[in-house]
C-alpha cells in the first residue's frame, strides 16, 4: 500500500520533472488499484483540534 496527500497531477512538482514523475507513476500504477478519499487526514484533524 502506498499513500500520499498529493493529487496525481502534482507529482511533476514533487519530482521536479513531469517526465520523471510520469514514468515513476506509470510503473507504480501499472496493474494497481487506486482509491481516492476526500476525507481530512488523521494528522490534519489532530492539528485542527488543538487549542489556539
C-alpha atoms as a PDB file:
ATOM      1  CA  UNK A   1       0.000   0.000   0.000  1.00  0.00           C
ATOM      2  CA  UNK A   2       1.202   3.462  -0.867  1.00  0.00           C
ATOM      3  CA  UNK A   3      -0.472   6.590   0.446  1.00  0.00           C
ATOM      4  CA  UNK A   4       0.053  10.220  -0.455  1.00  0.00           C
ATOM      5  CA  UNK A   5      -1.540  13.576   0.195  1.00  0.00           C
ATOM      6  CA  UNK A   6      -0.668  14.740  -3.342  1.00  0.00           C
ATOM      7  CA  UNK A   7      -3.007  14.549  -6.311  1.00  0.00           C
ATOM      8  CA  UNK A   8      -1.589  12.702  -9.311  1.00  0.00           C
ATOM      9  CA  UNK A   9      -1.209  15.915 -11.307  1.00  0.00           C
ATOM     10  CA  UNK A  10       1.052  17.455  -8.643  1.00  0.00           C
ATOM     11  CA  UNK A  11       3.759  14.781  -8.821  1.00  0.00           C
ATOM     12  CA  UNK A  12       5.642  16.675 -11.538  1.00  0.00           C
ATOM     13  CA  UNK A  13       6.415  19.323  -8.920  1.00  0.00           C
ATOM     14  CA  UNK A  14       7.319  16.693  -6.313  1.00  0.00           C
ATOM     15  CA  UNK A  15       9.932  15.118  -8.598  1.00  0.00           C
ATOM     16  CA  UNK A  16      10.887  18.403 -10.222  1.00  0.00           C
ATOM     17  CA  UNK A  17      10.296  16.925 -13.683  1.00  0.00           C
ATOM     18  CA  UNK A  18       6.921  15.902 -15.132  1.00  0.00           C
ATOM     19  CA  UNK A  19       8.511  13.278 -17.420  1.00  0.00           C
ATOM     20  CA  UNK A  20      10.217  11.528 -14.495  1.00  0.00           C
ATOM     21  CA  UNK A  21       7.030  11.770 -12.428  1.00  0.00           C
ATOM     22  CA  UNK A  22       5.029  10.236 -15.266  1.00  0.00           C
ATOM     23  CA  UNK A  23       7.486   7.352 -15.587  1.00  0.00           C
ATOM     24  CA  UNK A  24       7.530   6.649 -11.848  1.00  0.00           C
ATOM     25  CA  UNK A  25       3.735   6.838 -11.555  1.00  0.00           C
ATOM     26  CA  UNK A  26       3.360   4.664 -14.643  1.00  0.00           C
ATOM     27  CA  UNK A  27       5.422   1.925 -13.019  1.00  0.00           C
ATOM     28  CA  UNK A  28       3.698   2.273  -9.648  1.00  0.00           C
ATOM     29  CA  UNK A  29       0.168   2.365 -11.021  1.00  0.00           C
ATOM     30  CA  UNK A  30       0.530  -0.342 -13.659  1.00  0.00           C
ATOM     31  CA  UNK A  31      -1.833  -3.165 -12.659  1.00  0.00           C
ATOM     32  CA  UNK A  32      -2.769  -1.412  -9.436  1.00  0.00           C
ATOM     33  CA  UNK A  33      -5.985  -0.146  -7.950  1.00  0.00           C
ATOM     34  CA  UNK A  34      -6.369   3.394  -6.721  1.00  0.00           C
ATOM     35  CA  UNK A  35      -8.672   4.744  -4.059  1.00  0.00           C
ATOM     36  CA  UNK A  36      -9.198   8.474  -3.684  1.00  0.00           C
ATOM     37  CA  UNK A  37     -10.538   9.809  -0.405  1.00  0.00           C
ATOM     38  CA  UNK A  38     -11.984  13.265   0.111  1.00  0.00           C
ATOM     39  CA  UNK A  39     -11.754  12.908   3.885  1.00  0.00           C
ATOM     40  CA  UNK A  40      -9.444  15.017   6.025  1.00  0.00           C
ATOM     41  CA  UNK A  41      -6.290  13.154   7.047  1.00  0.00           C
ATOM     42  CA  UNK A  42      -5.872  11.961  10.630  1.00  0.00           C
ATOM     43  CA  UNK A  43      -2.875  14.278  11.078  1.00  0.00           C
ATOM     44  CA  UNK A  44      -4.807  17.312   9.821  1.00  0.00           C
ATOM     45  CA  UNK A  45      -7.773  16.546  12.071  1.00  0.00           C
ATOM     46  CA  UNK A  46      -5.493  16.347  15.149  1.00  0.00           C
ATOM     47  CA  UNK A  47      -3.721  19.587  14.197  1.00  0.00           C
ATOM     48  CA  UNK A  48      -7.051  21.364  13.665  1.00  0.00           C
ATOM     49  CA  UNK A  49      -8.415  20.244  17.037  1.00  0.00           C
ATOM     50  CA  UNK A  50      -5.519  21.689  19.093  1.00  0.00           C
ATOM     51  CA  UNK A  51      -6.449  24.787  21.092  1.00  0.00           C
ATOM     52  CA  UNK A  52      -5.238  28.179  19.851  1.00  0.00           C
END
